Amino acid sequence: MEFKPFQVYSLLSVRSLYTVHHMNFSSGFSFAGERHDFWEFNYILDGSAGATSNDNVYICHAGDAFLHAPNQYHTLWVNENDACEIFTITFDGTGLEHKLSPGQYQLTEEEKHHVDGILSKLDRLFENYNTIDFVQLAGTSSPNNAGYQMIKNYLELLCLSLIQRGHDLHGTPLSDADSLCYAKITSFLRDNIEEKLTLDDICRGVYESPAKVKEVFRRFTNGGVMHYFHQMRCEHIMRLISEGHSIKSIAETMHFSSPYYLSYFFKRETGIPPAEYKKRQRR
């Protein structure tokens, strides 16, 4: 009897690990926010926390997970009179962006088992895995270790399970007045990313007072709206550089007074000049 193979194709593959954090946060803790070009998975082991992702605001409780897609600006805070234990792992791979839906999930028992598998392998690989930067491990730890392979496999199983659930998200964005105001402001900033806006411009654009705009951003980002907008502008500059645009043309498009001032602004916000960022993109 002749047997013909049944071909199985990979829907997705986790190829890179970046960081791991397993931390206890005290009441009132607030993280001002960031965005990066890889995925971030957060699992609430105990307590509750608030999170923003682009325009939306969420509240997560023990058993909830939150998945941030690449380049989504996100913040985190711990509610007053509470404490929170959170496990975070950042990663990247192939097929993720086409299949995986970012957002808030209430994990099933099977999905919690996959997270427990990751934690158990980290426990065996490292004496203290509260904070791990995998980039710093390069050259000091063999990536062929079976433990890394199992972390990769558990992450893939977790992602596949979330994909099968599609948009069956446990949490929906908050819809109170401040949350809707936050969404309105961030949407306005995104629509005007190439403009040289001031705080007054933003307030006029969203029909809110400066005091209200500042209050909303302090609540959800622990920072200022102009800092948020400047980070968005830098991300847009990075995107245009990656698409092959010159610094001069980007400065004109984004209404900088000169390429020199664009370079000054970009270095002030990111720590490196745009020419250095462009050079790194070519490597």
Foldseek 3Di string as FASTA:
>chain_A
DDDDDDDDDDLKFWDWWFKKAWDKFDFWDWAQKDAAAWKKKKAWQAAKKWKDWQLFIWIDHHQKMFMHHHGTIMIMTHHHPIMTTMIMIITHTPNCVVQFDTGMARDDPVLVVLVVLLVVLVVVVDVDRNMDGVVVCVPVDDCPPVSVVSNRVSVSVNRVVNSVVPPPHPIDTDDDPLSNLSSLLSVVLVVLLLEPDDLVNSCVVSVHDSVSQQVSSCVHRVDHPVLVSLSSNLVVVLVVLLVPDDLQVSCVSSVPPGSVVVQVSNCVNPVHGVVVSSVVSVD
